Amino acid sequence: MKGGSLLGGGRSSSKVVAKLEVSSDSYRWAAATTGFQQAAVYQLASQKPVMAIGGFNGSDLYPSLEQFKQYVKGKQIHYYVVGEMGGHQMGGSDTATQISQWVSKHYTATTVDGVTVYDLTKQQAS
């Protein structure tokens, strides 16, 4: 079942929201996704912090790929949720694309209620 949307930024999946709520208290961010609108949908639904990669529309340069890697290495982000359009929203930055590509290369995707989610605590075996 899908929830409501915020400013046309997408809908939250109740199953993804449930994942974010479980064991997320030990992370700075329950998840990360591209753009404020997508992050806001999940943050409001789960009441857990969600990192908006690239700010409002995904075009800001924060965090850099290196900063994101450090957050993941430090176990500060639990999940990466692929946003609409494969994780890249219209106007997304190269940085957001680099982060999405790095995540997909090093972590295993699972589909939860039609949404692609990566568990950033479980790196793929080399």
PDB file of N, CA and C in Angstrom:
ATOM      1  N   MET A   1       0.854  -1.190   0.000  1.00  0.00           N
ATOM      2  CA  MET A   1       0.000   0.000   0.000  1.00  0.00           C
ATOM      3  C   MET A   1       0.890   1.239   0.000  1.00  0.00           C
ATOM      4  N   LYS A   2       0.549   2.179  -0.802  1.00  0.00           N
ATOM      5  CA  LYS A   2       1.339   3.396  -0.913  1.00  0.00           C
ATOM      6  C   LYS A   2       0.701   4.499  -0.090  1.00  0.00           C
ATOM      7  N   GLY A   3       1.536   5.356   0.489  1.00  0.00           N
ATOM      8  CA  GLY A   3       1.046   6.493   1.266  1.00  0.00           C
ATOM      9  C   GLY A   3       0.858   7.705   0.389  1.00  0.00           C
ATOM     10  N   GLY A   4       0.594   8.836   1.011  1.00  0.00           N
ATOM     11  CA  GLY A   4       0.390  10.079   0.282  1.00  0.00           C
ATOM     12  C   GLY A   4       1.697  10.651  -0.227  1.00  0.00           C
ATOM     13  N   SER A   5       1.593  11.646  -1.064  1.00  0.00           N
ATOM     14  CA  SER A   5       2.797  12.269  -1.604  1.00  0.00           C
ATOM     15  C   SER A   5       2.980  13.655  -1.004  1.00  0.00           C
ATOM     16  N   LEU A   6       4.195  14.162  -1.101  1.00  0.00           N
ATOM     17  CA  LEU A   6       4.530  15.480  -0.612  1.00  0.00           C
ATOM     18  C   LEU A   6       5.069  16.294  -1.773  1.00  0.00           C
ATOM     19  N   LEU A   7       4.364  17.336  -2.172  1.00  0.00           N
ATOM     20  CA  LEU A   7       4.810  18.206  -3.259  1.00  0.00           C
ATOM     21  C   LEU A   7       5.117  17.422  -4.527  1.00  0.00           C
ATOM     22  N   GLY A   8       4.395  16.316  -4.746  1.00  0.00           N
ATOM     23  CA  GLY A   8       4.638  15.495  -5.920  1.00  0.00           C
ATOM     24  C   GLY A   8       5.943  14.738  -5.844  1.00  0.00           C
ATOM     25  N   GLY A   9       6.559  14.646  -4.669  1.00  0.00           N
ATOM     26  CA  GLY A   9       7.868  14.028  -4.526  1.00  0.00           C
ATOM     27  C   GLY A   9       7.853  12.529  -4.387  1.00  0.00           C
ATOM     28  N   GLY A  10       6.716  11.904  -4.530  1.00  0.00           N
ATOM     29  CA  GLY A  10       6.652  10.470  -4.476  1.00  0.00           C
ATOM     30  C   GLY A  10       5.785   9.993  -3.331  1.00  0.00           C
ATOM     31  N   ARG A  11       5.675   8.705  -3.257  1.00  0.00           N
ATOM     32  CA  ARG A  11       4.853   8.081  -2.230  1.00  0.00           C
ATOM     33  C   ARG A  11       5.736   7.153  -1.413  1.00  0.00           C
ATOM     34  N   SER A  12       5.378   6.998  -0.167  1.00  0.00           N
ATOM     35  CA  SER A  12       6.146   6.093   0.670  1.00  0.00           C
ATOM     36  C   SER A  12       5.504   4.720   0.655  1.00  0.00           C
ATOM     37  N   SER A  13       6.324   3.720   0.689  1.00  0.00           N
ATOM     38  CA  SER A  13       5.860   2.350   0.807  1.00  0.00           C
ATOM     39  C   SER A  13       5.798   2.004   2.283  1.00  0.00           C
ATOM     40  N   SER A  14       4.669   1.482   2.734  1.00  0.00           N
ATOM     41  CA  SER A  14       4.550   1.129   4.153  1.00  0.00           C
ATOM     42  C   SER A  14       5.552   0.050   4.533  1.00  0.00           C
ATOM     43  N   LYS A  15       5.907  -0.820   3.596  1.00  0.00           N
ATOM     44  CA  LYS A  15       6.893  -1.874   3.882  1.00  0.00           C
ATOM     45  C   LYS A  15       8.299  -1.292   4.008  1.00  0.00           C
ATOM     46  N   VAL A  16       8.624  -0.298   3.193  1.00  0.00           N
ATOM     47  CA  VAL A  16       9.927   0.363   3.320  1.00  0.00           C
ATOM     48  C   VAL A  16       9.967   1.162   4.617  1.00  0.00           C
ATOM     49  N   VAL A  17       8.896   1.847   4.925  1.00  0.00           N
ATOM     50  CA  VAL A  17       8.811   2.609   6.178  1.00  0.00           C
ATOM     51  C   VAL A  17       9.044   1.678   7.360  1.00  0.00           C
ATOM     52  N   ALA A  18       8.438   0.505   7.340  1.00  0.00           N
ATOM     53  CA  ALA A  18       8.625  -0.461   8.431  1.00  0.00           C
ATOM     54  C   ALA A  18      10.096  -0.861   8.552  1.00  0.00           C
ATOM     55  N   LYS A  19      10.793  -1.033   7.414  1.00  0.00           N
ATOM     56  CA  LYS A  19      12.237  -1.355   7.446  1.00  0.00           C
ATOM     57  C   LYS A  19      13.020  -0.224   8.111  1.00  0.00           C
ATOM     58  N   LEU A  20      12.675   1.009   7.788  1.00  0.00           N
ATOM     59  CA  LEU A  20      13.393   2.152   8.346  1.00  0.00           C
ATOM     60  C   LEU A  20      13.187   2.258   9.852  1.00  0.00           C
ATOM     61  N   GLU A  21      12.031   1.851  10.303  1.00  0.00           N
ATOM     62  CA  GLU A  21      11.722   1.948  11.728  1.00  0.00           C
ATOM     63  C   GLU A  21      12.448   0.898  12.566  1.00  0.00           C
ATOM     64  N   VAL A  22      12.749  -0.255  11.968  1.00  0.00           N
ATOM     65  CA  VAL A  22      13.390  -1.351  12.695  1.00  0.00           C
ATOM     66  C   VAL A  22      14.889  -1.071  12.860  1.00  0.00           C
ATOM     67  N   SER A  23      15.365  -1.107  14.051  1.00  0.00           N
ATOM     68  CA  SER A  23      16.789  -0.963  14.427  1.00  0.00           C
ATOM     69  C   SER A  23      17.460   0.311  13.913  1.00  0.00           C
ATOM     70  N   SER A  24      16.688   1.309  13.567  1.00  0.00           N
ATOM     71  CA  SER A  24      17.284   2.528  13.026  1.00  0.00           C
ATOM     72  C   SER A  24      17.820   3.462  14.104  1.00  0.00           C
ATOM     73  N   ASP A  25      17.509   3.204  15.349  1.00  0.00           N
ATOM     74  CA  ASP A  25      17.961   4.093  16.419  1.00  0.00           C
ATOM     75  C   ASP A  25      19.469   4.082  16.612  1.00  0.00           C
ATOM     76  N   SER A  26      20.142   3.066  16.090  1.00  0.00           N
ATOM     77  CA  SER A  26      21.591   3.008  16.246  1.00  0.00           C
ATOM     78  C   SER A  26      22.333   3.665  15.072  1.00  0.00           C
ATOM     79  N   TYR A  27      21.590   4.361  14.198  1.00  0.00           N
ATOM     80  CA  TYR A  27      22.190   5.035  13.040  1.00  0.00           C
ATOM     81  C   TYR A  27      21.857   6.525  13.085  1.00  0.00           C
ATOM     82  N   ARG A  28      22.748   7.339  12.567  1.00  0.00           N
ATOM     83  CA  ARG A  28      22.471   8.771  12.453  1.00  0.00           C
ATOM     84  C   ARG A  28      21.319   9.002  11.481  1.00  0.00           C
ATOM     85  N   TRP A  29      21.337   8.254  10.372  1.00  0.00           N
ATOM     86  CA  TRP A  29      20.273   8.317   9.377  1.00  0.00           C
ATOM     87  C   TRP A  29      19.736   6.908   9.158  1.00  0.00           C
ATOM     88  N   ALA A  30      18.430   6.756   9.187  1.00  0.00           N
ATOM     89  CA  ALA A  30      17.819   5.453   8.902  1.00  0.00           C
ATOM     90  C   ALA A  30      18.053   5.081   7.438  1.00  0.00           C
ATOM     91  N   ALA A  31      18.122   6.106   6.581  1.00  0.00           N
ATOM     92  CA  ALA A  31      18.324   5.872   5.154  1.00  0.00           C
ATOM     93  C   ALA A  31      18.862   7.133   4.498  1.00  0.00           C
ATOM     94  N   ALA A  32      19.288   6.953   3.258  1.00  0.00           N
ATOM     95  CA  ALA A  32      19.680   8.064   2.394  1.00  0.00           C
ATOM     96  C   ALA A  32      18.981   7.844   1.058  1.00  0.00           C
ATOM     97  N   THR A  33      18.620   8.942   0.405  1.00  0.00           N
ATOM     98  CA  THR A  33      18.024   8.884  -0.922  1.00  0.00           C
ATOM     99  C   THR A  33      18.302  10.207  -1.612  1.00  0.00           C
ATOM    100  N   THR A  34      18.129  10.255  -2.918  1.00  0.00           N
ATOM    101  CA  THR A  34      18.420  11.470  -3.662  1.00  0.00           C
ATOM    102  C   THR A  34      17.262  12.457  -3.582  1.00  0.00           C
ATOM    103  N   GLY A  35      17.579  13.670  -3.160  1.00  0.00           N
ATOM    104  CA  GLY A  35      16.607  14.756  -3.153  1.00  0.00           C
ATOM    105  C   GLY A  35      15.783  14.857  -1.885  1.00  0.00           C
ATOM    106  N   PHE A  36      15.488  16.079  -1.525  1.00  0.00           N
ATOM    107  CA  PHE A  36      14.719  16.391  -0.324  1.00  0.00           C
ATOM    108  C   PHE A  36      13.310  15.809  -0.373  1.00  0.00           C
ATOM    109  N   GLN A  37      12.650  15.910  -1.512  1.00  0.00           N
ATOM    110  CA  GLN A  37      11.264  15.472  -1.580  1.00  0.00           C
ATOM    111  C   GLN A  37      11.138  13.982  -1.271  1.00  0.00           C
ATOM    112  N   GLN A  38      11.973  13.167  -1.874  1.00  0.00           N
ATOM    113  CA  GLN A  38      11.945  11.723  -1.622  1.00  0.00           C
ATOM    114  C   GLN A  38      12.319  11.441  -0.165  1.00  0.00           C
ATOM    115  N   ALA A  39      13.339  12.118   0.330  1.00  0.00           N
ATOM    116  CA  ALA A  39      13.753  11.914   1.724  1.00  0.00           C
ATOM    117  C   ALA A  39      12.641  12.332   2.686  1.00  0.00           C
ATOM    118  N   ALA A  40      11.992  13.437   2.392  1.00  0.00           N
ATOM    119  CA  ALA A  40      10.932  13.942   3.275  1.00  0.00           C
ATOM    120  C   ALA A  40       9.769  12.962   3.379  1.00  0.00           C
ATOM    121  N   VAL A  41       9.424  12.346   2.274  1.00  0.00           N
ATOM    122  CA  VAL A  41       8.322  11.381   2.278  1.00  0.00           C
ATOM    123  C   VAL A  41       8.615  10.263   3.277  1.00  0.00           C
ATOM    124  N   TYR A  42       9.819   9.717   3.219  1.00  0.00           N
ATOM    125  CA  TYR A  42      10.173   8.613   4.125  1.00  0.00           C
ATOM    126  C   TYR A  42      10.427   9.093   5.549  1.00  0.00           C
ATOM    127  N   GLN A  43      11.000  10.267   5.695  1.00  0.00           N
ATOM    128  CA  GLN A  43      11.243  10.788   7.035  1.00  0.00           C
ATOM    129  C   GLN A  43       9.934  11.076   7.764  1.00  0.00           C
ATOM    130  N   LEU A  44       9.001  11.687   7.079  1.00  0.00           N
ATOM    131  CA  LEU A  44       7.710  11.993   7.706  1.00  0.00           C
ATOM    132  C   LEU A  44       6.935  10.714   8.028  1.00  0.00           C
ATOM    133  N   ALA A  45       6.984   9.738   7.137  1.00  0.00           N
ATOM    134  CA  ALA A  45       6.234   8.501   7.358  1.00  0.00           C
ATOM    135  C   ALA A  45       6.834   7.652   8.480  1.00  0.00           C
ATOM    136  N   SER A  46       8.171   7.627   8.582  1.00  0.00           N
ATOM    137  CA  SER A  46       8.834   6.762   9.573  1.00  0.00           C
ATOM    138  C   SER A  46       9.168   7.477  10.872  1.00  0.00           C
ATOM    139  N   GLN A  47       9.194   8.817  10.834  1.00  0.00           N
ATOM    140  CA  GLN A  47       9.642   9.622  11.978  1.00  0.00           C
ATOM    141  C   GLN A  47      11.099   9.326  12.317  1.00  0.00           C
ATOM    142  N   LYS A  48      11.887   8.944  11.300  1.00  0.00           N
ATOM    143  CA  LYS A  48      13.311   8.658  11.442  1.00  0.00           C
ATOM    144  C   LYS A  48      14.081   9.567  10.485  1.00  0.00           C
ATOM    145  N   PRO A  49      15.304   9.965  10.832  1.00  0.00           N
ATOM    146  CA  PRO A  49      16.072  10.842   9.948  1.00  0.00           C
ATOM    147  C   PRO A  49      16.471  10.150   8.643  1.00  0.00           C
ATOM    148  N   VAL A  50      16.274  10.857   7.539  1.00  0.00           N
ATOM    149  CA  VAL A  50      16.632  10.352   6.213  1.00  0.00           C
ATOM    150  C   VAL A  50      17.481  11.418   5.526  1.00  0.00           C
ATOM    151  N   MET A  51      18.666  11.033   5.067  1.00  0.00           N
ATOM    152  CA  MET A  51      19.585  11.959   4.378  1.00  0.00           C
ATOM    153  C   MET A  51      19.076  12.265   2.979  1.00  0.00           C
ATOM    154  N   ALA A  52      19.007  13.549   2.660  1.00  0.00           N
ATOM    155  CA  ALA A  52      18.622  13.996   1.323  1.00  0.00           C
ATOM    156  C   ALA A  52      19.896  14.270   0.531  1.00  0.00           C
ATOM    157  N   ILE A  53      20.346  13.310  -0.234  1.00  0.00           N
ATOM    158  CA  ILE A  53      21.548  13.485  -1.054  1.00  0.00           C
ATOM    159  C   ILE A  53      21.243  14.540  -2.110  1.00  0.00           C
ATOM    160  N   GLY A  54      22.059  15.564  -2.167  1.00  0.00           N
ATOM    161  CA  GLY A  54      21.874  16.600  -3.163  1.00  0.00           C
ATOM    162  C   GLY A  54      20.864  17.668  -2.793  1.00  0.00           C
ATOM    163  N   GLY A  55      20.397  17.663  -1.560  1.00  0.00           N
ATOM    164  CA  GLY A  55      19.502  18.723  -1.117  1.00  0.00           C
ATOM    165  C   GLY A  55      18.117  18.644  -1.725  1.00  0.00           C
ATOM    166  N   PHE A  56      17.512  19.806  -1.984  1.00  0.00           N
ATOM    167  CA  PHE A  56      16.104  19.881  -2.382  1.00  0.00           C
ATOM    168  C   PHE A  56      15.804  19.091  -3.653  1.00  0.00           C
ATOM    169  N   ASN A  57      16.538  19.342  -4.714  1.00  0.00           N
ATOM    170  CA  ASN A  57      16.219  18.657  -5.973  1.00  0.00           C
ATOM    171  C   ASN A  57      17.331  17.732  -6.450  1.00  0.00           C
ATOM    172  N   GLY A  58      18.264  17.419  -5.565  1.00  0.00           N
ATOM    173  CA  GLY A  58      19.336  16.499  -5.920  1.00  0.00           C
ATOM    174  C   GLY A  58      20.513  17.166  -6.601  1.00  0.00           C
ATOM    175  N   SER A  59      20.501  18.500  -6.732  1.00  0.00           N
ATOM    176  CA  SER A  59      21.567  19.173  -7.485  1.00  0.00           C
ATOM    177  C   SER A  59      22.674  19.765  -6.608  1.00  0.00           C
ATOM    178  N   ASP A  60      22.486  19.768  -5.278  1.00  0.00           N
ATOM    179  CA  ASP A  60      23.549  20.251  -4.403  1.00  0.00           C
ATOM    180  C   ASP A  60      24.683  19.225  -4.365  1.00  0.00           C
ATOM    181  N   LEU A  61      25.854  19.667  -4.007  1.00  0.00           N
ATOM    182  CA  LEU A  61      27.019  18.787  -4.022  1.00  0.00           C
ATOM    183  C   LEU A  61      27.259  18.077  -2.694  1.00  0.00           C
ATOM    184  N   TYR A  62      26.281  18.120  -1.785  1.00  0.00           N
ATOM    185  CA  TYR A  62      26.458  17.476  -0.482  1.00  0.00           C
ATOM    186  C   TYR A  62      25.587  16.236  -0.384  1.00  0.00           C
ATOM    187  N   PRO A  63      26.100  15.180   0.161  1.00  0.00           N
ATOM    188  CA  PRO A  63      27.490  14.976   0.527  1.00  0.00           C
ATOM    189  C   PRO A  63      28.291  14.573  -0.707  1.00  0.00           C
ATOM    190  N   SER A  64      29.589  14.726  -0.630  1.00  0.00           N
ATOM    191  CA  SER A  64      30.433  14.235  -1.715  1.00  0.00           C
ATOM    192  C   SER A  64      30.451  12.709  -1.630  1.00  0.00           C
ATOM    193  N   LEU A  65      30.920  12.080  -2.677  1.00  0.00           N
ATOM    194  CA  LEU A  65      31.037  10.621  -2.658  1.00  0.00           C
ATOM    195  C   LEU A  65      31.936  10.178  -1.514  1.00  0.00           C
ATOM    196  N   GLU A  66      33.047  10.870  -1.304  1.00  0.00           N
ATOM    197  CA  GLU A  66      33.965  10.501  -0.221  1.00  0.00           C
ATOM    198  C   GLU A  66      33.323  10.672   1.151  1.00  0.00           C
ATOM    199  N   GLN A  67      32.564  11.756   1.328  1.00  0.00           N
ATOM    200  CA  GLN A  67      31.856  11.945   2.604  1.00  0.00           C
ATOM    201  C   GLN A  67      30.846  10.832   2.820  1.00  0.00           C
ATOM    202  N   PHE A  68      30.111  10.478   1.768  1.00  0.00           N
ATOM    203  CA  PHE A  68      29.112   9.424   1.864  1.00  0.00           C
ATOM    204  C   PHE A  68      29.778   8.100   2.240  1.00  0.00           C
ATOM    205  N   LYS A  69      30.897   7.797   1.592  1.00  0.00           N
ATOM    206  CA  LYS A  69      31.630   6.559   1.915  1.00  0.00           C
ATOM    207  C   LYS A  69      32.036   6.538   3.386  1.00  0.00           C
ATOM    208  N   GLN A  70      32.470   7.685   3.911  1.00  0.00           N
ATOM    209  CA  GLN A  70      32.860   7.754   5.320  1.00  0.00           C
ATOM    210  C   GLN A  70      31.660   7.539   6.241  1.00  0.00           C
ATOM    211  N   TYR A  71      30.519   8.095   5.886  1.00  0.00           N
ATOM    212  CA  TYR A  71      29.304   7.871   6.673  1.00  0.00           C
ATOM    213  C   TYR A  71      28.935   6.385   6.684  1.00  0.00           C
ATOM    214  N   VAL A  72      29.044   5.746   5.519  1.00  0.00           N
ATOM    215  CA  VAL A  72      28.722   4.315   5.426  1.00  0.00           C
ATOM    216  C   VAL A  72      29.732   3.501   6.227  1.00  0.00           C
ATOM    217  N   LYS A  73      31.017   3.817   6.057  1.00  0.00           N
ATOM    218  CA  LYS A  73      32.063   3.104   6.792  1.00  0.00           C
ATOM    219  C   LYS A  73      31.870   3.247   8.304  1.00  0.00           C
ATOM    220  N   GLY A  74      31.444   4.406   8.739  1.00  0.00           N
ATOM    221  CA  GLY A  74      31.203   4.673  10.149  1.00  0.00           C
ATOM    222  C   GLY A  74      29.853   4.161  10.637  1.00  0.00           C
ATOM    223  N   LYS A  75      29.157   3.427   9.777  1.00  0.00           N
ATOM    224  CA  LYS A  75      27.841   2.846  10.105  1.00  0.00           C
ATOM    225  C   LYS A  75      26.849   3.907  10.588  1.00  0.00           C
ATOM    226  N   GLN A  76      26.840   5.052   9.872  1.00  0.00           N
ATOM    227  CA  GLN A  76      25.923   6.132  10.207  1.00  0.00           C
ATOM    228  C   GLN A  76      24.646   6.121   9.368  1.00  0.00           C
ATOM    229  N   ILE A  77      24.650   5.335   8.266  1.00  0.00           N
ATOM    230  CA  ILE A  77      23.479   5.242   7.394  1.00  0.00           C
ATOM    231  C   ILE A  77      23.113   3.771   7.264  1.00  0.00           C
ATOM    232  N   HIS A  78      21.863   3.427   7.526  1.00  0.00           N
ATOM    233  CA  HIS A  78      21.457   2.021   7.448  1.00  0.00           C
ATOM    234  C   HIS A  78      21.101   1.598   6.025  1.00  0.00           C
ATOM    235  N   TYR A  79      20.232   2.341   5.358  1.00  0.00           N
ATOM    236  CA  TYR A  79      19.754   1.950   4.030  1.00  0.00           C
ATOM    237  C   TYR A  79      19.957   3.055   3.000  1.00  0.00           C
ATOM    238  N   TYR A  80      20.050   2.640   1.759  1.00  0.00           N
ATOM    239  CA  TYR A  80      19.993   3.566   0.628  1.00  0.00           C
ATOM    240  C   TYR A  80      18.738   3.194  -0.140  1.00  0.00           C
ATOM    241  N   VAL A  81      17.809   4.137  -0.271  1.00  0.00           N
ATOM    242  CA  VAL A  81      16.553   3.913  -0.965  1.00  0.00           C
ATOM    243  C   VAL A  81      16.647   4.588  -2.327  1.00  0.00           C
ATOM    244  N   VAL A  82      16.466   3.799  -3.372  1.00  0.00           N
ATOM    245  CA  VAL A  82      16.523   4.352  -4.721  1.00  0.00           C
ATOM    246  C   VAL A  82      15.250   5.138  -4.947  1.00  0.00           C
ATOM    247  N   GLY A  83      15.425   6.394  -5.315  1.00  0.00           N
ATOM    248  CA  GLY A  83      14.276   7.256  -5.551  1.00  0.00           C
ATOM    249  C   GLY A  83      13.668   7.007  -6.909  1.00  0.00           C
ATOM    250  N   GLU A  84      12.716   7.824  -7.225  1.00  0.00           N
ATOM    251  CA  GLU A  84      12.088   7.737  -8.534  1.00  0.00           C
ATOM    252  C   GLU A  84      13.138   7.960  -9.604  1.00  0.00           C
ATOM    253  N   MET A  85      12.931   7.372 -10.765  1.00  0.00           N
ATOM    254  CA  MET A  85      13.852   7.500 -11.892  1.00  0.00           C
ATOM    255  C   MET A  85      15.205   6.899 -11.557  1.00  0.00           C
ATOM    256  N   GLY A  86      15.235   5.735 -10.902  1.00  0.00           N
ATOM    257  CA  GLY A  86      16.474   5.018 -10.676  1.00  0.00           C
ATOM    258  C   GLY A  86      17.416   5.683  -9.708  1.00  0.00           C
ATOM    259  N   GLY A  87      16.909   6.493  -8.803  1.00  0.00           N
ATOM    260  CA  GLY A  87      17.769   7.128  -7.816  1.00  0.00           C
ATOM    261  C   GLY A  87      18.250   8.498  -8.215  1.00  0.00           C
ATOM    262  N   HIS A  88      17.948   8.903  -9.436  1.00  0.00           N
ATOM    263  CA  HIS A  88      18.389  10.211  -9.919  1.00  0.00           C
ATOM    264  C   HIS A  88      17.151  11.012 -10.279  1.00  0.00           C
ATOM    265  N   GLN A  89      16.927  12.094  -9.585  1.00  0.00           N
ATOM    266  CA  GLN A  89      15.776  12.916  -9.915  1.00  0.00           C
ATOM    267  C   GLN A  89      16.192  13.923 -10.965  1.00  0.00           C
ATOM    268  N   MET A  90      15.200  14.518 -11.598  1.00  0.00           N
ATOM    269  CA  MET A  90      15.484  15.537 -12.601  1.00  0.00           C
ATOM    270  C   MET A  90      16.380  16.597 -11.980  1.00  0.00           C
ATOM    271  N   GLY A  91      17.432  16.979 -12.669  1.00  0.00           N
ATOM    272  CA  GLY A  91      18.315  18.004 -12.167  1.00  0.00           C
ATOM    273  C   GLY A  91      19.317  17.486 -11.150  1.00  0.00           C
ATOM    274  N   GLY A  92      19.387  16.182 -10.968  1.00  0.00           N
ATOM    275  CA  GLY A  92      20.320  15.613 -10.003  1.00  0.00           C
ATOM    276  C   GLY A  92      21.757  15.913 -10.381  1.00  0.00           C
ATOM    277  N   SER A  93      22.615  15.958  -9.391  1.00  0.00           N
ATOM    278  CA  SER A  93      24.016  16.291  -9.630  1.00  0.00           C
ATOM    279  C   SER A  93      24.813  15.052 -10.003  1.00  0.00           C
ATOM    280  N   ASP A  94      26.009  15.295 -10.548  1.00  0.00           N
ATOM    281  CA  ASP A  94      26.936  14.196 -10.809  1.00  0.00           C
ATOM    282  C   ASP A  94      27.268  13.484  -9.513  1.00  0.00           C
ATOM    283  N   THR A  95      27.333  14.222  -8.414  1.00  0.00           N
ATOM    284  CA  THR A  95      27.638  13.626  -7.113  1.00  0.00           C
ATOM    285  C   THR A  95      26.559  12.622  -6.724  1.00  0.00           C
ATOM    286  N   ALA A  96      25.299  12.976  -6.882  1.00  0.00           N
ATOM    287  CA  ALA A  96      24.203  12.053  -6.566  1.00  0.00           C
ATOM    288  C   ALA A  96      24.299  10.806  -7.436  1.00  0.00           C
ATOM    289  N   THR A  97      24.633  10.978  -8.699  1.00  0.00           N
ATOM    290  CA  THR A  97      24.793   9.847  -9.610  1.00  0.00           C
ATOM    291  C   THR A  97      25.974   8.982  -9.182  1.00  0.00           C
ATOM    292  N   GLN A  98      27.091   9.598  -8.807  1.00  0.00           N
ATOM    293  CA  GLN A  98      28.257   8.840  -8.351  1.00  0.00           C
ATOM    294  C   GLN A  98      27.930   8.017  -7.114  1.00  0.00           C
ATOM    295  N   ILE A  99      27.200   8.598  -6.181  1.00  0.00           N
ATOM    296  CA  ILE A  99      26.825   7.880  -4.959  1.00  0.00           C
ATOM    297  C   ILE A  99      25.935   6.697  -5.307  1.00  0.00           C
ATOM    298  N   SER A 100      24.941   6.916  -6.137  1.00  0.00           N
ATOM    299  CA  SER A 100      24.035   5.843  -6.540  1.00  0.00           C
ATOM    300  C   SER A 100      24.800   4.708  -7.225  1.00  0.00           C
ATOM    301  N   GLN A 101      25.719   5.054  -8.110  1.00  0.00           N
ATOM    302  CA  GLN A 101      26.509   4.035  -8.807  1.00  0.00           C
ATOM    303  C   GLN A 101      27.431   3.285  -7.849  1.00  0.00           C
ATOM    304  N   TRP A 102      28.036   3.990  -6.911  1.00  0.00           N
ATOM    305  CA  TRP A 102      28.914   3.347  -5.923  1.00  0.00           C
ATOM    306  C   TRP A 102      28.115   2.369  -5.074  1.00  0.00           C
ATOM    307  N   VAL A 103      26.948   2.793  -4.613  1.00  0.00           N
ATOM    308  CA  VAL A 103      26.109   1.910  -3.799  1.00  0.00           C
ATOM    309  C   VAL A 103      25.737   0.661  -4.589  1.00  0.00           C
ATOM    310  N   SER A 104      25.287   0.833  -5.837  1.00  0.00           N
ATOM    311  CA  SER A 104      24.847  -0.320  -6.628  1.00  0.00           C
ATOM    312  C   SER A 104      25.993  -1.268  -6.952  1.00  0.00           C
ATOM    313  N   LYS A 105      27.207  -0.743  -6.999  1.00  0.00           N
ATOM    314  CA  LYS A 105      28.374  -1.582  -7.290  1.00  0.00           C
ATOM    315  C   LYS A 105      28.815  -2.395  -6.061  1.00  0.00           C
ATOM    316  N   HIS A 106      28.636  -1.854  -4.865  1.00  0.00           N
ATOM    317  CA  HIS A 106      29.181  -2.478  -3.658  1.00  0.00           C
ATOM    318  C   HIS A 106      28.154  -3.140  -2.743  1.00  0.00           C
ATOM    319  N   TYR A 107      26.871  -2.936  -3.000  1.00  0.00           N
ATOM    320  CA  TYR A 107      25.833  -3.474  -2.126  1.00  0.00           C
ATOM    321  C   TYR A 107      24.773  -4.181  -2.959  1.00  0.00           C
ATOM    322  N   THR A 108      24.086  -5.115  -2.359  1.00  0.00           N
ATOM    323  CA  THR A 108      23.073  -5.906  -3.043  1.00  0.00           C
ATOM    324  C   THR A 108      21.706  -5.241  -2.930  1.00  0.00           C
ATOM    325  N   ALA A 109      21.071  -5.091  -4.061  1.00  0.00           N
ATOM    326  CA  ALA A 109      19.736  -4.496  -4.101  1.00  0.00           C
ATOM    327  C   ALA A 109      18.690  -5.530  -3.718  1.00  0.00           C
ATOM    328  N   THR A 110      17.694  -5.081  -2.973  1.00  0.00           N
ATOM    329  CA  THR A 110      16.499  -5.884  -2.726  1.00  0.00           C
ATOM    330  C   THR A 110      15.308  -5.021  -3.119  1.00  0.00           C
ATOM    331  N   THR A 111      14.254  -5.662  -3.515  1.00  0.00           N
ATOM    332  CA  THR A 111      13.045  -4.929  -3.872  1.00  0.00           C
ATOM    333  C   THR A 111      12.029  -5.132  -2.771  1.00  0.00           C
ATOM    334  N   VAL A 112      11.579  -4.033  -2.206  1.00  0.00           N
ATOM    335  CA  VAL A 112      10.597  -4.049  -1.132  1.00  0.00           C
ATOM    336  C   VAL A 112       9.385  -3.260  -1.615  1.00  0.00           C
ATOM    337  N   ASP A 113       8.296  -3.962  -1.855  1.00  0.00           N
ATOM    338  CA  ASP A 113       7.069  -3.300  -2.289  1.00  0.00           C
ATOM    339  C   ASP A 113       7.296  -2.435  -3.532  1.00  0.00           C
ATOM    340  N   GLY A 114       8.117  -2.943  -4.455  1.00  0.00           N
ATOM    341  CA  GLY A 114       8.390  -2.225  -5.695  1.00  0.00           C
ATOM    342  C   GLY A 114       9.457  -1.148  -5.596  1.00  0.00           C
ATOM    343  N   VAL A 115      10.084  -1.002  -4.423  1.00  0.00           N
ATOM    344  CA  VAL A 115      11.110   0.018  -4.199  1.00  0.00           C
ATOM    345  C   VAL A 115      12.458  -0.680  -4.026  1.00  0.00           C
ATOM    346  N   THR A 116      13.498  -0.178  -4.697  1.00  0.00           N
ATOM    347  CA  THR A 116      14.833  -0.753  -4.561  1.00  0.00           C
ATOM    348  C   THR A 116      15.503  -0.184  -3.317  1.00  0.00           C
ATOM    349  N   VAL A 117      15.973  -1.100  -2.458  1.00  0.00           N
ATOM    350  CA  VAL A 117      16.595  -0.725  -1.188  1.00  0.00           C
ATOM    351  C   VAL A 117      17.908  -1.482  -1.053  1.00  0.00           C
ATOM    352  N   TYR A 118      18.934  -0.784  -0.578  1.00  0.00           N
ATOM    353  CA  TYR A 118      20.233  -1.394  -0.299  1.00  0.00           C
ATOM    354  C   TYR A 118      20.492  -1.297   1.199  1.00  0.00           C
ATOM    355  N   ASP A 119      20.913  -2.391   1.811  1.00  0.00           N
ATOM    356  CA  ASP A 119      21.317  -2.386   3.215  1.00  0.00           C
ATOM    357  C   ASP A 119      22.800  -2.048   3.241  1.00  0.00           C
ATOM    358  N   LEU A 120      23.139  -0.854   3.710  1.00  0.00           N
ATOM    359  CA  LEU A 120      24.533  -0.381   3.691  1.00  0.00           C
ATOM    360  C   LEU A 120      25.386  -0.997   4.791  1.00  0.00           C
ATOM    361  N   THR A 121      24.825  -1.905   5.550  1.00  0.00           N
ATOM    362  CA  THR A 121      25.611  -2.621   6.565  1.00  0.00           C
ATOM    363  C   THR A 121      26.066  -3.980   6.053  1.00  0.00           C
ATOM    364  N   LYS A 122      25.657  -4.335   4.830  1.00  0.00           N
ATOM    365  CA  LYS A 122      25.973  -5.643   4.273  1.00  0.00           C
ATOM    366  C   LYS A 122      26.591  -5.492   2.894  1.00  0.00           C
ATOM    367  N   GLN A 123      27.908  -5.318   2.864  1.00  0.00           N
ATOM    368  CA  GLN A 123      28.611  -5.123   1.595  1.00  0.00           C
ATOM    369  C   GLN A 123      28.680  -6.447   0.844  1.00  0.00           C
ATOM    370  N   GLN A 124      28.643  -6.372  -0.484  1.00  0.00           N
ATOM    371  CA  GLN A 124      28.759  -7.567  -1.322  1.00  0.00           C
ATOM    372  C   GLN A 124      30.106  -8.226  -1.096  1.00  0.00           C
ATOM    373  N   ALA A 125      30.133  -9.547  -1.204  1.00  0.00           N
ATOM    374  CA  ALA A 125      31.400 -10.273  -1.131  1.00  0.00           C
ATOM    375  C   ALA A 125      32.190  -9.984  -2.412  1.00  0.00           C
ATOM    376  N   SER A 126      33.470  -9.811  -2.257  1.00  0.00           N
ATOM    377  CA  SER A 126      34.317  -9.496  -3.429  1.00  0.00           C
ATOM    378  C   SER A 126      34.665 -10.724  -4.208  1.00  0.00           C
TER     379      SER A 126
END
